[in-house]
Amino acid sequence: MLRVGLIADTHDLLRDEAIAFLTGSDHIVHAGDIMDEWIIERLATLAPVTAVRGNNDRGEWAQRLPETAFFTLEQTGIYIIHDLKALTVNPIDIGARVVISGHSHKPSITERAGVLYINPGSAGRRRFKLPIAVAELTVTGTEVSARIVELPNPAR
């Protein structure tokens, strides 16, 4: 079994609680709106990181990030995109069993047509009354499961 830590929309804030949750991951996915490369560098001290560029990621460092990414863990295809509304491929056609996105700041896990869609929510500053959250994906061969974890919201 592999544990994939999921994080998105940090907006230049990497909370200690998020680091604690992601510690022990076999892989980490950041679904965009990172805002500064130091966050990716810090996450990479915990596990290999796959990150995509969000609409607020700008500058030379951000241009090096892809807008989408696809990789395989065990026998499971995982596709990452910041804004799910920009999805232009059929995940099944490219062999994706899981699609990870961010952008909305709304944590969610849904399954449609055999594809698991996960938005870990925002791990950065609170937006409106949405929770501060991260998620994890567990992969065993072609079997997947996910859960969202709300983080405490200190005054930052």
Protein backbone atom coordinates (compact mmCIF):
# COMPACT_ATOMS: atom_id res chain seq x y z
CA MET A 1 0.00 0.00 0.00
CA LEU A 2 1.25 3.47 -0.93
CA ARG A 3 0.19 6.65 0.84
CA VAL A 4 -0.06 9.77 -1.29
CA GLY A 5 -0.37 13.06 0.58
CA LEU A 6 -2.55 15.60 -1.23
CA ILE A 7 -2.34 19.35 -0.77
CA ALA A 8 -3.50 22.37 -2.77
CA ASP A 9 -3.97 26.11 -2.63
CA THR A 10 -1.29 26.81 -0.04
CA HIS A 11 -0.93 30.39 -1.32
CA ASP A 12 2.56 30.80 0.18
CA LEU A 13 1.57 29.33 3.55
CA LEU A 14 2.75 25.86 4.52
CA ARG A 15 1.24 25.11 7.91
CA ASP A 16 3.06 22.96 10.46
CA GLU A 17 -0.12 20.87 10.71
CA ALA A 18 0.01 20.16 6.97
CA ILE A 19 3.66 19.12 7.22
CA ALA A 20 2.82 16.80 10.11
CA PHE A 21 -0.01 15.22 8.12
CA LEU A 22 2.12 14.76 4.98
CA THR A 23 5.06 13.27 6.90
CA GLY A 24 5.23 9.56 6.15
CA SER A 25 3.76 9.89 2.66
CA ASP A 26 5.33 7.81 -0.10
CA HIS A 27 4.54 10.60 -2.57
CA ILE A 28 3.06 14.10 -2.31
CA VAL A 29 0.86 15.86 -4.86
CA HIS A 30 0.42 19.64 -4.83
CA ALA A 31 -2.51 20.66 -7.04
CA GLY A 32 -1.44 24.26 -7.60
CA ASP A 33 -1.64 27.80 -6.28
CA ILE A 34 1.63 27.22 -4.49
CA MET A 35 2.82 30.84 -4.86
CA ASP A 36 6.51 30.20 -4.06
CA GLU A 37 8.90 27.39 -4.88
CA TRP A 38 10.12 27.10 -1.29
CA ILE A 39 6.92 25.17 -0.56
CA ILE A 40 7.76 22.50 -3.13
CA GLU A 41 11.33 22.37 -1.84
CA ARG A 42 10.09 21.86 1.73
CA LEU A 43 7.60 19.18 0.68
CA ALA A 44 10.37 17.40 -1.24
CA THR A 45 12.21 16.86 2.05
CA LEU A 46 9.29 14.63 3.06
CA ALA A 47 8.71 12.61 -0.13
CA PRO A 48 8.89 12.88 -3.92
CA VAL A 49 6.57 15.67 -5.10
CA THR A 50 4.47 16.06 -8.23
CA ALA A 51 3.11 19.60 -8.55
CA VAL A 52 1.14 21.50 -11.16
CA ARG A 53 0.88 25.23 -11.79
CA GLY A 54 -2.20 27.04 -10.52
CA ASN A 55 -3.70 30.27 -11.82
CA ASN A 56 -1.88 32.25 -9.10
CA ASP A 57 1.53 30.67 -9.69
CA ARG A 58 3.66 33.19 -11.55
CA GLY A 59 7.30 33.82 -12.26
CA GLU A 60 10.12 31.82 -13.74
CA TRP A 61 9.92 29.05 -11.14
CA ALA A 62 6.20 28.57 -11.86
CA GLN A 63 6.75 28.38 -15.61
CA ARG A 64 8.82 25.26 -14.99
CA LEU A 65 5.73 23.55 -13.54
CA PRO A 66 3.32 21.81 -15.92
CA GLU A 67 -0.34 22.78 -16.04
CA THR A 68 -1.24 19.10 -15.78
CA ALA A 69 0.62 15.96 -14.82
CA PHE A 70 0.06 12.24 -15.15
CA PHE A 71 1.92 9.48 -13.35
CA THR A 72 1.36 5.90 -12.30
CA LEU A 73 1.70 4.40 -8.84
CA GLU A 74 1.47 0.64 -8.66
CA GLN A 75 -1.03 0.05 -11.50
CA THR A 76 -3.02 3.22 -10.88
CA GLY A 77 -2.97 6.22 -13.21
CA ILE A 78 -3.17 9.60 -11.46
CA TYR A 79 -3.93 12.85 -13.30
CA ILE A 80 -3.44 16.27 -11.72
CA ILE A 81 -4.92 19.59 -12.82
CA HIS A 82 -5.42 22.76 -10.81
CA ASP A 83 -8.91 23.73 -12.03
CA LEU A 84 -11.17 20.77 -12.73
CA LYS A 85 -13.27 22.98 -15.02
CA ALA A 86 -10.26 23.12 -17.37
CA LEU A 87 -10.19 19.31 -17.76
CA THR A 88 -10.19 18.65 -21.51
CA VAL A 89 -9.33 14.94 -21.53
CA ASN A 90 -11.42 11.96 -20.61
CA PRO A 91 -9.53 10.46 -17.65
CA ILE A 92 -10.48 6.94 -18.69
CA ASP A 93 -9.04 7.49 -22.19
CA ILE A 94 -5.62 8.33 -20.75
CA GLY A 95 -5.68 5.55 -18.16
CA ALA A 96 -6.39 7.71 -15.11
CA ARG A 97 -8.23 6.09 -12.22
CA VAL A 98 -7.77 9.20 -10.05
CA VAL A 99 -8.04 12.93 -10.85
CA ILE A 100 -6.66 15.38 -8.30
CA SER A 101 -7.51 19.08 -8.50
CA GLY A 102 -7.56 22.22 -6.38
CA HIS A 103 -8.71 25.79 -7.18
CA SER A 104 -12.17 25.79 -5.57
CA HIS A 105 -10.82 25.51 -2.00
CA LYS A 106 -13.71 23.08 -1.38
CA PRO A 107 -12.56 19.65 -0.21
CA SER A 108 -14.38 16.82 -1.95
CA ILE A 109 -14.18 13.19 -2.92
CA THR A 110 -16.51 11.86 -5.60
CA GLU A 111 -16.49 8.89 -7.92
CA ARG A 112 -17.93 9.06 -11.42
CA ALA A 113 -17.73 6.43 -14.13
CA GLY A 114 -15.00 4.56 -12.26
CA VAL A 115 -12.81 7.64 -11.74
CA LEU A 116 -12.11 8.99 -8.25
CA TYR A 117 -12.06 12.81 -8.19
CA ILE A 118 -10.31 14.37 -5.20
CA ASN A 119 -9.95 18.00 -4.22
CA PRO A 120 -8.00 18.22 -0.97
CA GLY A 121 -9.31 21.73 -0.35
CA SER A 122 -7.15 24.66 0.65
CA ALA A 123 -4.27 24.20 3.07
CA GLY A 124 -3.43 27.92 3.00
CA ARG A 125 -5.31 30.84 4.41
CA ARG A 126 -8.99 30.35 5.13
CA ARG A 127 -11.28 31.53 2.37
CA PHE A 128 -14.81 32.43 3.32
CA LYS A 129 -16.01 29.75 5.74
CA LEU A 130 -14.37 26.85 3.92
CA PRO A 131 -12.28 24.47 6.01
CA ILE A 132 -8.49 24.29 5.99
CA ALA A 133 -7.85 20.79 4.68
CA VAL A 134 -5.50 18.23 3.17
CA ALA A 135 -6.18 14.72 1.94
CA GLU A 136 -4.60 11.35 1.45
CA LEU A 137 -4.92 8.78 -1.27
CA THR A 138 -4.04 5.16 -0.59
CA VAL A 139 -3.12 2.98 -3.54
CA THR A 140 -2.86 -0.79 -3.49
CA GLY A 141 -2.44 -2.11 -7.02
CA THR A 142 -5.55 -0.84 -8.78
CA GLU A 143 -7.50 -0.29 -5.56
CA VAL A 144 -7.74 3.29 -4.29
CA SER A 145 -9.34 5.07 -1.38
CA ALA A 146 -9.18 8.64 -0.15
CA ARG A 147 -9.98 10.71 2.89
CA ILE A 148 -10.01 14.42 3.68
CA VAL A 149 -8.64 15.75 6.94
CA GLU A 150 -9.54 19.18 8.25
CA LEU A 151 -6.69 21.02 9.92
CA PRO A 152 -7.05 23.34 12.88
CA ASN A 153 -7.26 27.01 11.88
CA PRO A 154 -4.81 29.04 13.91
CA ALA A 155 -5.04 32.80 13.51
CA ARG A 156 -2.93 32.93 10.35
